[in-house]
Protein backbone atom coordinates (compact mmCIF):
# COMPACT_ATOMS: atom_id res chain seq x y z
CA MET A 1 -0.17 -0.20 0.19
CA THR A 2 1.12 3.72 -1.39
CA GLU A 3 1.15 6.29 1.29
CA LYS A 4 -1.15 8.58 1.04
CA THR A 5 -0.66 12.09 0.34
CA GLN A 6 -1.98 15.16 2.19
CA PHE A 7 -4.34 15.96 -0.79
CA GLU A 8 -5.71 12.12 -0.24
CA ILE A 9 -6.15 12.39 3.52
CA ASP A 10 -8.24 15.84 3.37
CA TYR A 11 -10.67 14.37 0.30
CA PHE A 12 -11.13 11.09 2.66
CA ASN A 13 -11.97 13.36 5.70
CA ALA A 14 -14.23 15.09 3.47
CA ASN A 15 -15.83 12.47 1.49
CA GLY A 16 -15.79 9.31 3.14
CA VAL A 17 -13.60 7.47 0.32
CA TYR A 18 -10.20 8.22 -1.36
CA PRO A 19 -9.95 9.90 -4.81
CA ILE A 20 -9.29 8.00 -7.77
CA ILE A 21 -6.06 9.58 -9.04
CA GLU A 22 -4.59 7.16 -11.18
CA HIS A 23 -6.69 5.18 -13.70
CA GLY A 24 -5.22 2.68 -16.47
CA GLY A 25 -1.83 4.51 -15.25
CA VAL A 26 -3.14 8.13 -16.00
CA ASP A 27 -2.92 10.58 -13.93
CA LEU A 28 -5.93 12.19 -13.15
CA THR A 29 -5.48 16.15 -13.42
CA GLU A 30 -6.13 18.26 -10.13
CA GLU A 31 -8.95 20.12 -11.93
CA GLN A 32 -10.04 16.59 -12.93
CA VAL A 33 -10.50 15.59 -9.23
CA ALA A 34 -11.96 18.77 -8.58
CA GLU A 35 -15.04 18.41 -10.54
CA ALA A 36 -15.10 14.73 -9.01
CA THR A 37 -15.22 16.43 -5.71
CA ILE A 38 -17.97 18.79 -6.93
CA MET A 39 -19.70 15.69 -8.80
CA THR A 40 -19.46 13.51 -5.29
CA ASN A 41 -20.14 15.75 -3.07
CA LYS A 42 -23.57 17.01 -5.13
CA PHE A 43 -25.01 13.07 -5.08
CA ASN A 44 -24.68 12.58 -1.70
CA ALA A 45 -25.95 16.36 -1.10
CA LYS A 46 -29.61 14.97 -3.64
CA GLN A 47 -29.17 11.33 -1.25
CA TYR A 48 -29.66 13.18 1.66
CA LEU A 49 -32.44 15.10 0.34
CA LYS A 50 -34.57 11.93 -1.06
CA LYS A 51 -33.74 10.13 2.93
CA THR A 52 -35.48 12.67 4.40
CA ASP A 53 -37.65 13.85 2.30
CA TRP A 54 -40.32 11.72 4.39
CA TYR A 55 -39.90 14.48 7.16
CA VAL A 56 -41.76 16.83 4.22
CA THR A 57 -44.76 13.99 3.54
CA ARG A 58 -44.71 13.76 7.26
CA LYS A 59 -45.33 17.85 7.69
CA ALA A 60 -47.94 18.25 5.02
CA GLU A 61 -49.74 14.80 5.98
CA THR A 62 -49.55 15.58 9.89
CA GLY A 63 -48.82 18.82 10.16
CA GLN A 64 -45.61 17.89 12.50
CA ASP A 65 -43.05 19.67 13.06
CA ILE A 66 -39.58 18.95 10.98
CA PRO A 67 -36.48 18.94 13.57
CA ASP A 68 -34.39 22.10 13.03
CA ASP A 69 -31.00 20.55 12.53
CA VAL A 70 -32.81 18.18 9.04
CA LEU A 71 -34.31 21.72 7.77
CA GLN A 72 -30.88 22.87 8.26
CA LYS A 73 -28.86 20.19 6.27
CA ARG A 74 -32.17 20.17 3.80
CA THR A 75 -31.01 23.92 3.14
CA GLU A 76 -27.39 23.22 2.42
CA ALA A 77 -27.95 20.36 0.60
CA ARG A 78 -30.61 21.97 -1.59
CA GLN A 79 -27.23 25.02 -2.03
CA THR A 80 -24.80 22.16 -2.98
CA ALA A 81 -27.22 19.93 -5.21
CA SER A 82 -28.24 23.07 -7.04
CA SER A 83 -24.89 24.52 -7.66
């Protein structure tokens, strides 16, 4: 196993996976890695929204409030998903 660079460690801490920096022996550019990071963040944001949609349905059907932390994270996820 090769030693991880600080970039790889930071990427792992932010995304939970290591970036793919080699594919078929071809190094990805920093721009490609940055683009993949953006795409991953958008995907994760959309997944969070899907996972918490039931709160919105419950609110519409029963009037029960959505927890403040969920509302805040959903707001952040919508911003990330649409950026």
